[in-house]
Amino acid sequence: MKLSIIIPSYNCSNVIENLTADIHNVVKDISDINKLELILVNDCSLDNTWEKICELTKKIQTLHLVLI
């Protein structure tokens, strides 16, 4: 089963990395889920949320991050 999670990420540069890691840690123990897709929606944040999301796409190999 594929699980897609949509995460609004406006001005959340200080929590987005921990949030994605926590989600991954929970989902990896659920045997029915074989693919996790995180859809991170950034609507012109005033902080460096976009940069953090771009960093995550390079660091997290087991997740599929879709940038919108």
N, C-alpha and C. Protein backbone atom coordinates (compact mmCIF):
# COMPACT_ATOMS: atom_id res chain seq x y z
N MET A 1 0.84 -1.17 0.00
CA MET A 1 0.00 0.00 0.00
C MET A 1 0.90 1.24 0.00
N LYS A 2 0.49 2.24 -0.74
CA LYS A 2 1.19 3.51 -0.78
C LYS A 2 0.46 4.51 0.12
N LEU A 3 1.24 5.25 0.89
CA LEU A 3 0.69 6.28 1.77
C LEU A 3 1.22 7.63 1.33
N SER A 4 0.32 8.55 1.06
CA SER A 4 0.70 9.92 0.72
C SER A 4 0.21 10.84 1.83
N ILE A 5 1.10 11.71 2.28
CA ILE A 5 0.75 12.66 3.35
C ILE A 5 1.07 14.06 2.83
N ILE A 6 0.09 14.94 2.93
CA ILE A 6 0.27 16.33 2.51
C ILE A 6 0.54 17.16 3.76
N ILE A 7 1.65 17.91 3.71
CA ILE A 7 2.06 18.70 4.87
C ILE A 7 2.18 20.17 4.46
N PRO A 8 1.30 21.03 4.98
CA PRO A 8 1.50 22.46 4.75
C PRO A 8 2.74 22.89 5.52
N SER A 9 3.60 23.64 4.88
CA SER A 9 4.88 23.94 5.53
C SER A 9 5.23 25.42 5.47
N TYR A 10 4.30 26.25 5.79
CA TYR A 10 4.54 27.69 5.80
C TYR A 10 5.31 28.08 7.06
N ASN A 11 6.46 28.68 6.88
CA ASN A 11 7.31 29.15 7.99
C ASN A 11 7.58 28.07 9.04
N CYS A 12 8.00 26.92 8.59
CA CYS A 12 8.25 25.84 9.55
C CYS A 12 9.66 25.25 9.36
N SER A 13 10.60 26.07 8.99
CA SER A 13 11.95 25.57 8.75
C SER A 13 12.57 24.94 9.99
N ASN A 14 12.14 25.36 11.16
CA ASN A 14 12.73 24.82 12.38
C ASN A 14 12.13 23.48 12.81
N VAL A 15 11.06 23.02 12.16
CA VAL A 15 10.45 21.75 12.56
C VAL A 15 10.30 20.74 11.42
N ILE A 16 10.46 21.15 10.18
CA ILE A 16 10.15 20.27 9.05
C ILE A 16 11.04 19.04 9.01
N GLU A 17 12.30 19.17 9.36
CA GLU A 17 13.20 18.02 9.33
C GLU A 17 12.81 16.98 10.38
N ASN A 18 12.52 17.43 11.59
CA ASN A 18 12.09 16.51 12.65
C ASN A 18 10.75 15.87 12.32
N LEU A 19 9.86 16.65 11.74
CA LEU A 19 8.54 16.12 11.39
C LEU A 19 8.65 15.00 10.36
N THR A 20 9.42 15.22 9.31
CA THR A 20 9.56 14.18 8.29
C THR A 20 10.26 12.94 8.85
N ALA A 21 11.23 13.13 9.71
CA ALA A 21 11.91 11.99 10.34
C ALA A 21 10.94 11.22 11.24
N ASP A 22 10.14 11.92 12.02
CA ASP A 22 9.17 11.26 12.90
C ASP A 22 8.15 10.45 12.09
N ILE A 23 7.66 11.04 11.00
CA ILE A 23 6.70 10.33 10.16
C ILE A 23 7.34 9.07 9.59
N HIS A 24 8.55 9.20 9.09
CA HIS A 24 9.25 8.04 8.53
C HIS A 24 9.43 6.94 9.57
N ASN A 25 9.81 7.31 10.78
CA ASN A 25 10.02 6.33 11.85
C ASN A 25 8.75 5.58 12.22
N VAL A 26 7.63 6.26 12.19
CA VAL A 26 6.35 5.61 12.50
C VAL A 26 5.91 4.70 11.37
N VAL A 27 6.02 5.19 10.15
CA VAL A 27 5.52 4.45 8.99
C VAL A 27 6.37 3.21 8.68
N LYS A 28 7.66 3.27 8.94
CA LYS A 28 8.52 2.12 8.61
C LYS A 28 8.15 0.86 9.38
N ASP A 29 7.47 1.01 10.50
CA ASP A 29 7.07 -0.14 11.30
C ASP A 29 5.69 -0.70 10.93
N ILE A 30 5.04 -0.08 9.95
CA ILE A 30 3.73 -0.54 9.50
C ILE A 30 3.94 -1.39 8.26
N SER A 31 3.73 -2.68 8.39
CA SER A 31 4.09 -3.61 7.32
C SER A 31 3.25 -3.45 6.06
N ASP A 32 2.03 -2.94 6.16
CA ASP A 32 1.16 -2.79 4.99
C ASP A 32 1.59 -1.65 4.07
N ILE A 33 2.41 -0.74 4.58
CA ILE A 33 2.82 0.42 3.79
C ILE A 33 4.19 0.14 3.19
N ASN A 34 4.25 0.10 1.86
CA ASN A 34 5.52 -0.18 1.21
C ASN A 34 6.10 1.05 0.49
N LYS A 35 5.33 2.13 0.43
CA LYS A 35 5.85 3.35 -0.17
C LYS A 35 5.24 4.55 0.55
N LEU A 36 6.10 5.47 0.92
CA LEU A 36 5.67 6.69 1.59
C LEU A 36 5.99 7.87 0.71
N GLU A 37 5.00 8.71 0.49
CA GLU A 37 5.19 9.93 -0.28
C GLU A 37 4.79 11.10 0.62
N LEU A 38 5.71 12.03 0.80
CA LEU A 38 5.39 13.25 1.54
C LEU A 38 5.29 14.39 0.54
N ILE A 39 4.18 15.08 0.59
CA ILE A 39 3.97 16.23 -0.28
C ILE A 39 4.07 17.46 0.60
N LEU A 40 5.16 18.19 0.45
CA LEU A 40 5.42 19.37 1.28
C LEU A 40 5.00 20.61 0.49
N VAL A 41 4.01 21.31 0.99
CA VAL A 41 3.47 22.48 0.31
C VAL A 41 3.98 23.73 1.02
N ASN A 42 4.78 24.49 0.30
CA ASN A 42 5.34 25.72 0.86
C ASN A 42 4.78 26.90 0.08
N ASP A 43 4.02 27.73 0.76
CA ASP A 43 3.37 28.87 0.11
C ASP A 43 4.09 30.17 0.47
N CYS A 44 5.25 30.37 -0.14
CA CYS A 44 6.02 31.61 0.03
C CYS A 44 6.36 31.92 1.48
N SER A 45 6.94 30.95 2.16
CA SER A 45 7.35 31.16 3.55
C SER A 45 8.30 32.35 3.65
N LEU A 46 8.27 33.00 4.79
CA LEU A 46 9.15 34.13 5.03
C LEU A 46 10.49 33.71 5.63
N ASP A 47 10.58 32.45 6.06
CA ASP A 47 11.84 31.93 6.59
C ASP A 47 12.50 31.06 5.52
N ASN A 48 13.38 30.19 5.90
CA ASN A 48 14.09 29.37 4.91
C ASN A 48 13.50 27.96 4.79
N THR A 49 12.19 27.87 4.87
CA THR A 49 11.52 26.58 4.73
C THR A 49 11.82 25.93 3.39
N TRP A 50 11.78 26.70 2.33
CA TRP A 50 12.04 26.14 1.00
C TRP A 50 13.44 25.52 0.93
N GLU A 51 14.42 26.20 1.46
CA GLU A 51 15.79 25.68 1.47
C GLU A 51 15.88 24.38 2.27
N LYS A 52 15.18 24.33 3.40
CA LYS A 52 15.18 23.11 4.22
C LYS A 52 14.55 21.95 3.47
N ILE A 53 13.46 22.22 2.75
CA ILE A 53 12.81 21.18 1.97
C ILE A 53 13.76 20.67 0.89
N CYS A 54 14.45 21.57 0.24
CA CYS A 54 15.41 21.17 -0.79
C CYS A 54 16.53 20.31 -0.19
N GLU A 55 16.99 20.65 1.00
CA GLU A 55 18.00 19.83 1.69
C GLU A 55 17.46 18.43 1.97
N LEU A 56 16.21 18.35 2.39
CA LEU A 56 15.61 17.05 2.71
C LEU A 56 15.56 16.13 1.50
N THR A 57 15.33 16.68 0.33
CA THR A 57 15.26 15.83 -0.86
C THR A 57 16.60 15.16 -1.13
N LYS A 58 17.67 15.75 -0.67
CA LYS A 58 19.01 15.17 -0.87
C LYS A 58 19.38 14.20 0.25
N LYS A 59 18.84 14.39 1.45
CA LYS A 59 19.24 13.62 2.62
C LYS A 59 18.43 12.36 2.84
N ILE A 60 17.16 12.39 2.53
CA ILE A 60 16.27 11.28 2.87
C ILE A 60 16.03 10.44 1.63
N GLN A 61 16.73 9.30 1.54
CA GLN A 61 16.65 8.43 0.38
C GLN A 61 15.39 7.57 0.37
N THR A 62 14.87 7.25 1.52
CA THR A 62 13.73 6.32 1.58
C THR A 62 12.38 7.00 1.42
N LEU A 63 12.38 8.29 1.39
CA LEU A 63 11.12 9.02 1.23
C LEU A 63 11.05 9.65 -0.16
N HIS A 64 9.84 9.78 -0.64
CA HIS A 64 9.64 10.46 -1.90
C HIS A 64 9.03 11.82 -1.57
N LEU A 65 9.80 12.86 -1.75
CA LEU A 65 9.34 14.20 -1.43
C LEU A 65 8.94 14.92 -2.71
N VAL A 66 7.74 15.41 -2.74
CA VAL A 66 7.25 16.14 -3.90
C VAL A 66 7.18 17.61 -3.52
N LEU A 67 7.87 18.42 -4.27
CA LEU A 67 7.89 19.85 -3.98
C LEU A 67 6.91 20.56 -4.90
N ILE A 68 6.01 21.31 -4.29
CA ILE A 68 5.02 22.05 -5.06
C ILE A 68 5.26 23.54 -4.89
